[in-house]
Amino acid sequence: MNFDFKRMFRYERNVGDQDRNIRYGVGALSILISIFLGSVPLLLLGIALLASGYTRFCPLYAAMGRTTLPPCCAGKEKPAEPHTCCGGGEKAGQH
């Protein structure tokens, strides 16, 4: 596994739909639990997960050269044709 710090700061979408939904759920749950426990690190983790889900960019994935996007969308800012696998279209499976 190669870890490239330079690639970590270059924005390229690398979070797919399923990964984004998991990040939203775990992030919201972390924030909720941190409120009851008074845990600042858990609160920061929840905020980071929500932010990475919203921006669809994970710096750690970028540094490792990993993506959860489908091959047709990996690393593209905006897809050339509308489709739903990366949030770019109206109908499922449209390519």
C-alpha atoms as a PDB file:
ATOM      1  CA  MET A   1       0.000   0.000   0.000  1.00  0.00           C
ATOM      2  CA  ASN A   2       1.500   3.307  -1.112  1.00  0.00           C
ATOM      3  CA  PHE A   3       0.674   6.429   0.857  1.00  0.00           C
ATOM      4  CA  ASP A   4       1.203   9.614  -1.174  1.00  0.00           C
ATOM      5  CA  PHE A   5       0.889  12.873   0.785  1.00  0.00           C
ATOM      6  CA  LYS A   6       0.850  15.025  -2.371  1.00  0.00           C
ATOM      7  CA  ARG A   7      -2.144  13.146  -3.765  1.00  0.00           C
ATOM      8  CA  MET A   8      -3.943  13.632  -0.438  1.00  0.00           C
ATOM      9  CA  PHE A   9      -4.321  17.386  -1.042  1.00  0.00           C
ATOM     10  CA  ARG A  10      -5.517  17.142  -4.661  1.00  0.00           C
ATOM     11  CA  TYR A  11      -9.308  17.107  -4.847  1.00  0.00           C
ATOM     12  CA  GLU A  12     -10.728  14.249  -6.911  1.00  0.00           C
ATOM     13  CA  ARG A  13     -14.052  12.648  -6.079  1.00  0.00           C
ATOM     14  CA  ASN A  14     -13.439   9.251  -4.532  1.00  0.00           C
ATOM     15  CA  VAL A  15     -16.505   8.506  -2.365  1.00  0.00           C
ATOM     16  CA  GLY A  16     -19.316   6.502  -4.001  1.00  0.00           C
ATOM     17  CA  ASP A  17     -23.026   6.551  -3.198  1.00  0.00           C
ATOM     18  CA  GLN A  18     -23.043   3.643  -0.751  1.00  0.00           C
ATOM     19  CA  ASP A  19     -19.918   4.913   1.012  1.00  0.00           C
ATOM     20  CA  ARG A  20     -21.457   8.398   1.240  1.00  0.00           C
ATOM     21  CA  ASN A  21     -24.635   7.041   2.856  1.00  0.00           C
ATOM     22  CA  ILE A  22     -22.599   5.066   5.386  1.00  0.00           C
ATOM     23  CA  ARG A  23     -20.553   8.177   6.199  1.00  0.00           C
ATOM     24  CA  TYR A  24     -23.754  10.192   6.729  1.00  0.00           C
ATOM     25  CA  GLY A  25     -25.196   7.566   9.065  1.00  0.00           C
ATOM     26  CA  VAL A  26     -22.055   6.917  11.102  1.00  0.00           C
ATOM     27  CA  GLY A  27     -21.239  10.646  11.223  1.00  0.00           C
ATOM     28  CA  ALA A  28     -24.691  11.588  12.496  1.00  0.00           C
ATOM     29  CA  LEU A  29     -24.616   8.760  15.031  1.00  0.00           C
ATOM     30  CA  SER A  30     -21.153   9.834  16.227  1.00  0.00           C
ATOM     31  CA  ILE A  31     -22.321  13.403  16.722  1.00  0.00           C
ATOM     32  CA  LEU A  32     -25.425  12.256  18.596  1.00  0.00           C
ATOM     33  CA  ILE A  33     -23.432   9.972  20.890  1.00  0.00           C
ATOM     34  CA  SER A  34     -20.774  12.656  21.456  1.00  0.00           C
ATOM     35  CA  ILE A  35     -23.448  15.060  22.696  1.00  0.00           C
ATOM     36  CA  PHE A  36     -24.549  12.601  25.379  1.00  0.00           C
ATOM     37  CA  LEU A  37     -21.030  11.539  26.356  1.00  0.00           C
ATOM     38  CA  GLY A  38     -19.417  14.955  26.046  1.00  0.00           C
ATOM     39  CA  SER A  39     -16.686  13.528  23.828  1.00  0.00           C
ATOM     40  CA  VAL A  40     -14.955  16.108  21.646  1.00  0.00           C
ATOM     41  CA  PRO A  41     -12.917  13.580  19.583  1.00  0.00           C
ATOM     42  CA  LEU A  42     -16.111  11.690  18.720  1.00  0.00           C
ATOM     43  CA  LEU A  43     -17.761  14.976  17.738  1.00  0.00           C
ATOM     44  CA  LEU A  44     -14.834  15.851  15.450  1.00  0.00           C
ATOM     45  CA  LEU A  45     -14.950  12.386  13.886  1.00  0.00           C
ATOM     46  CA  GLY A  46     -18.670  12.797  13.171  1.00  0.00           C
ATOM     47  CA  ILE A  47     -18.141  16.209  11.591  1.00  0.00           C
ATOM     48  CA  ALA A  48     -15.285  14.866   9.451  1.00  0.00           C
ATOM     49  CA  LEU A  49     -17.415  11.952   8.243  1.00  0.00           C
ATOM     50  CA  LEU A  50     -20.337  14.227   7.375  1.00  0.00           C
ATOM     51  CA  ALA A  51     -18.027  16.635   5.549  1.00  0.00           C
ATOM     52  CA  SER A  52     -16.340  13.887   3.532  1.00  0.00           C
ATOM     53  CA  GLY A  53     -19.737  12.439   2.611  1.00  0.00           C
ATOM     54  CA  TYR A  54     -21.019  15.840   1.515  1.00  0.00           C
ATOM     55  CA  THR A  55     -17.950  16.740  -0.557  1.00  0.00           C
ATOM     56  CA  ARG A  56     -17.554  13.130  -1.784  1.00  0.00           C
ATOM     57  CA  PHE A  57     -13.823  13.408  -1.118  1.00  0.00           C
ATOM     58  CA  CYS A  58     -11.786  11.481   1.445  1.00  0.00           C
ATOM     59  CA  PRO A  59      -8.165  12.637   1.853  1.00  0.00           C
ATOM     60  CA  LEU A  60      -7.121   9.241   3.228  1.00  0.00           C
ATOM     61  CA  TYR A  61      -8.611   7.439   0.219  1.00  0.00           C
ATOM     62  CA  ALA A  62      -6.795   9.891  -2.058  1.00  0.00           C
ATOM     63  CA  ALA A  63      -3.465   9.321  -0.319  1.00  0.00           C
ATOM     64  CA  MET A  64      -3.856   5.558  -0.659  1.00  0.00           C
ATOM     65  CA  GLY A  65      -5.064   5.814  -4.273  1.00  0.00           C
ATOM     66  CA  ARG A  66      -8.395   4.222  -3.375  1.00  0.00           C
ATOM     67  CA  THR A  67     -11.881   5.054  -4.627  1.00  0.00           C
ATOM     68  CA  THR A  68     -15.361   3.674  -4.050  1.00  0.00           C
ATOM     69  CA  LEU A  69     -16.747   5.234  -7.214  1.00  0.00           C
ATOM     70  CA  PRO A  70     -17.667   2.958 -10.119  1.00  0.00           C
ATOM     71  CA  PRO A  71     -14.959   2.726 -12.832  1.00  0.00           C
ATOM     72  CA  CYS A  72     -16.941   5.001 -15.165  1.00  0.00           C
ATOM     73  CA  CYS A  73     -16.808   7.886 -12.666  1.00  0.00           C
ATOM     74  CA  ALA A  74     -13.543   7.423 -10.788  1.00  0.00           C
ATOM     75  CA  GLY A  75     -11.719  10.714 -10.375  1.00  0.00           C
ATOM     76  CA  LYS A  76     -13.989  12.792 -12.619  1.00  0.00           C
ATOM     77  CA  GLU A  77     -15.296  16.124 -11.382  1.00  0.00           C
ATOM     78  CA  LYS A  78     -18.535  15.870 -13.401  1.00  0.00           C
ATOM     79  CA  PRO A  79     -19.545  12.913 -15.548  1.00  0.00           C
ATOM     80  CA  ALA A  80     -19.728  13.535 -19.295  1.00  0.00           C
ATOM     81  CA  GLU A  81     -23.138  11.859 -19.530  1.00  0.00           C
ATOM     82  CA  PRO A  82     -25.869  11.927 -16.887  1.00  0.00           C
ATOM     83  CA  HIS A  83     -26.241   8.789 -14.762  1.00  0.00           C
ATOM     84  CA  THR A  84     -26.944   7.886 -11.143  1.00  0.00           C
ATOM     85  CA  CYS A  85     -23.945   5.802 -10.105  1.00  0.00           C
ATOM     86  CA  CYS A  86     -22.184   8.963  -8.923  1.00  0.00           C
ATOM     87  CA  GLY A  87     -25.171  11.276  -8.541  1.00  0.00           C
ATOM     88  CA  GLY A  88     -25.100  12.637 -12.084  1.00  0.00           C
ATOM     89  CA  GLY A  89     -28.420  11.588 -13.586  1.00  0.00           C
ATOM     90  CA  GLU A  90     -32.124  11.015 -13.311  1.00  0.00           C
ATOM     91  CA  LYS A  91     -32.641   7.307 -14.098  1.00  0.00           C
ATOM     92  CA  ALA A  92     -30.844   4.368 -12.509  1.00  0.00           C
ATOM     93  CA  GLY A  93     -28.284   2.718 -14.711  1.00  0.00           C
ATOM     94  CA  GLN A  94     -28.353   5.407 -17.392  1.00  0.00           C
ATOM     95  CA  HIS A  95     -24.947   5.657 -19.106  1.00  0.00           C
END
